[in-house]
Amino acid sequence: MYNAEQNANANVRPNTSRWILLFFIGMVAWTVQLVVGYVAGGLACSINSRMPFFALSIGGLLVAAVGIILSVRTMRREGSNDAVSLFDTDRETTIKTFLGIGGVILNSYFLALILFTGVSAAFFPACPYISMPLP
């Protein structure tokens, strides 16, 4: 269990790398979907199917949803029965609360972006008209 006095005496910074990963996991999933989507676009056009886009979107949705679920679970686990004040002197609790709430908000936003990108691929052809050869 975390002991603020022990860390203050030892001058040890609390480990928040796992929390930062949960904070940015939705953004990473959306960026990967965007970058790999360019490669998937060429593949989708060559096989004349939109399945690469759908598979990529489903993978991104799953990663962002896992980020939301883990942010909520860790936020609940770290929270106590008392409401955490932003003016609390326990720096570890305040950082984890911020990263938990921010992780839920950011991951929800990027989940919506990934969903919109995947749904929009359903309404457009696999090969854009401008890239098709002229008759």
Protein backbone atom coordinates (compact mmCIF):
# COMPACT_ATOMS: atom_id res chain seq x y z
CA MET A 1 0.00 0.00 0.00
CA TYR A 2 1.15 3.52 -0.70
CA ASN A 3 2.60 5.40 2.23
CA ALA A 4 3.01 9.14 1.54
CA GLU A 5 5.28 9.76 4.53
CA GLN A 6 7.63 6.93 3.57
CA ASN A 7 7.96 8.24 0.01
CA ALA A 8 8.41 11.81 1.23
CA ASN A 9 11.22 10.72 3.51
CA ALA A 10 12.92 8.61 0.84
CA ASN A 11 12.46 11.25 -1.92
CA VAL A 12 10.93 8.60 -4.19
CA ARG A 13 8.56 9.66 -6.93
CA PRO A 14 5.34 7.63 -7.14
CA ASN A 15 5.06 5.33 -10.15
CA THR A 16 2.38 6.68 -12.47
CA SER A 17 3.55 5.21 -15.79
CA ARG A 18 0.70 2.69 -15.83
CA TRP A 19 -1.78 5.51 -15.25
CA ILE A 20 -0.28 7.60 -18.03
CA LEU A 21 -0.64 4.63 -20.39
CA LEU A 22 -4.34 4.37 -19.47
CA PHE A 23 -4.66 8.11 -20.03
CA PHE A 24 -3.29 7.98 -23.60
CA ILE A 25 -4.33 4.49 -24.81
CA GLY A 26 -7.35 5.77 -26.78
CA MET A 27 -5.22 8.38 -28.51
CA VAL A 28 -2.64 5.74 -29.41
CA ALA A 29 -5.36 3.44 -30.79
CA TRP A 30 -6.80 6.25 -32.93
CA THR A 31 -3.34 7.24 -34.21
CA VAL A 32 -2.54 3.65 -35.13
CA GLN A 33 -5.90 3.37 -36.88
CA LEU A 34 -5.21 6.56 -38.81
CA VAL A 35 -1.67 5.63 -39.88
CA VAL A 36 -2.39 1.98 -40.66
CA GLY A 37 -5.59 3.09 -42.41
CA TYR A 38 -3.51 4.48 -45.26
CA VAL A 39 -1.99 1.05 -45.85
CA ALA A 40 -5.38 -0.59 -45.37
CA GLY A 41 -6.80 1.79 -47.99
CA GLY A 42 -4.51 0.45 -50.67
CA LEU A 43 -5.19 -3.11 -49.58
CA ALA A 44 -8.96 -2.52 -49.55
CA CYS A 45 -8.82 -1.07 -53.04
CA SER A 46 -6.75 -3.95 -54.42
CA ILE A 47 -9.07 -6.64 -53.02
CA ASN A 48 -12.19 -4.47 -53.55
CA SER A 49 -13.41 -5.00 -49.99
CA ARG A 50 -13.81 -2.75 -46.96
CA MET A 51 -12.93 -5.50 -44.49
CA PRO A 52 -9.45 -4.10 -43.66
CA PHE A 53 -11.10 -0.86 -42.51
CA PHE A 54 -13.67 -2.70 -40.45
CA ALA A 55 -11.06 -4.97 -38.83
CA LEU A 56 -8.89 -1.98 -38.03
CA SER A 57 -11.85 -0.07 -36.56
CA ILE A 58 -12.95 -3.01 -34.43
CA GLY A 59 -9.41 -3.40 -33.09
CA GLY A 60 -9.23 0.31 -32.24
CA LEU A 61 -12.67 0.22 -30.61
CA LEU A 62 -11.63 -2.70 -28.43
CA VAL A 63 -8.43 -0.99 -27.32
CA ALA A 64 -10.23 2.27 -26.49
CA ALA A 65 -13.01 0.38 -24.67
CA VAL A 66 -10.43 -1.53 -22.62
CA GLY A 67 -8.83 1.82 -21.77
CA ILE A 68 -12.17 3.16 -20.53
CA ILE A 69 -12.92 0.04 -18.50
CA LEU A 70 -9.47 -0.07 -16.92
CA SER A 71 -9.56 3.66 -16.14
CA VAL A 72 -12.90 3.27 -14.37
CA ARG A 73 -11.77 0.15 -12.49
CA THR A 74 -8.52 1.64 -11.30
CA MET A 75 -10.22 4.91 -10.39
CA ARG A 76 -12.77 3.02 -8.27
CA ARG A 77 -10.09 0.85 -6.70
CA GLU A 78 -7.90 3.82 -5.77
CA GLY A 79 -10.81 5.92 -4.56
CA SER A 80 -12.12 5.66 -1.07
CA ASN A 81 -15.53 6.20 0.46
CA ASP A 82 -14.69 9.85 0.98
CA ALA A 83 -14.67 12.16 -2.02
CA VAL A 84 -11.16 13.07 -3.08
CA SER A 85 -10.55 16.79 -2.89
CA LEU A 86 -8.44 18.47 -5.53
CA PHE A 87 -6.81 20.40 -2.70
CA ASP A 88 -5.74 17.20 -0.96
CA THR A 89 -2.10 17.18 0.06
CA ASP A 90 -1.62 13.56 -0.97
CA ARG A 91 -0.06 14.10 -4.40
CA GLU A 92 -0.34 10.43 -5.41
CA THR A 93 -4.12 10.34 -4.89
CA THR A 94 -4.64 13.63 -6.72
CA ILE A 95 -2.59 12.54 -9.75
CA LYS A 96 -4.33 9.18 -9.95
CA THR A 97 -7.75 10.82 -9.68
CA PHE A 98 -6.89 13.28 -12.46
CA LEU A 99 -5.46 10.57 -14.70
CA GLY A 100 -8.44 8.30 -14.02
CA ILE A 101 -11.09 10.91 -14.83
CA GLY A 102 -9.08 12.28 -17.76
CA GLY A 103 -8.52 8.76 -19.05
CA VAL A 104 -12.24 8.06 -19.09
CA ILE A 105 -12.97 11.33 -20.89
CA LEU A 106 -10.15 11.07 -23.45
CA ASN A 107 -10.72 7.40 -24.16
CA SER A 108 -14.44 8.05 -24.64
CA TYR A 109 -13.66 10.84 -27.08
CA PHE A 110 -11.25 8.70 -29.11
CA LEU A 111 -13.67 5.77 -28.97
CA ALA A 112 -16.23 8.04 -30.65
CA LEU A 113 -13.66 9.12 -33.26
CA ILE A 114 -12.75 5.51 -34.05
CA LEU A 115 -16.43 4.58 -34.25
CA PHE A 116 -17.15 7.49 -36.60
CA THR A 117 -14.22 6.54 -38.84
CA GLY A 118 -15.35 2.90 -38.99
CA VAL A 119 -18.97 3.79 -39.69
CA SER A 120 -18.04 6.31 -42.36
CA ALA A 121 -16.04 3.61 -44.17
CA ALA A 122 -19.30 1.70 -44.61
CA PHE A 123 -20.81 4.49 -46.71
CA PHE A 124 -17.89 5.13 -49.06
CA PRO A 125 -16.55 2.84 -51.79
CA ALA A 126 -13.38 0.85 -51.13
CA CYS A 127 -11.66 2.60 -54.06
CA PRO A 128 -12.25 6.35 -54.27
CA TYR A 129 -13.38 7.51 -57.68
CA ILE A 130 -10.36 9.74 -58.14
CA SER A 131 -7.97 6.78 -57.86
CA MET A 132 -9.81 4.65 -60.40
CA PRO A 133 -8.27 4.48 -63.89
CA LEU A 134 -9.99 6.42 -66.61
CA PRO A 135 -11.88 4.39 -69.26
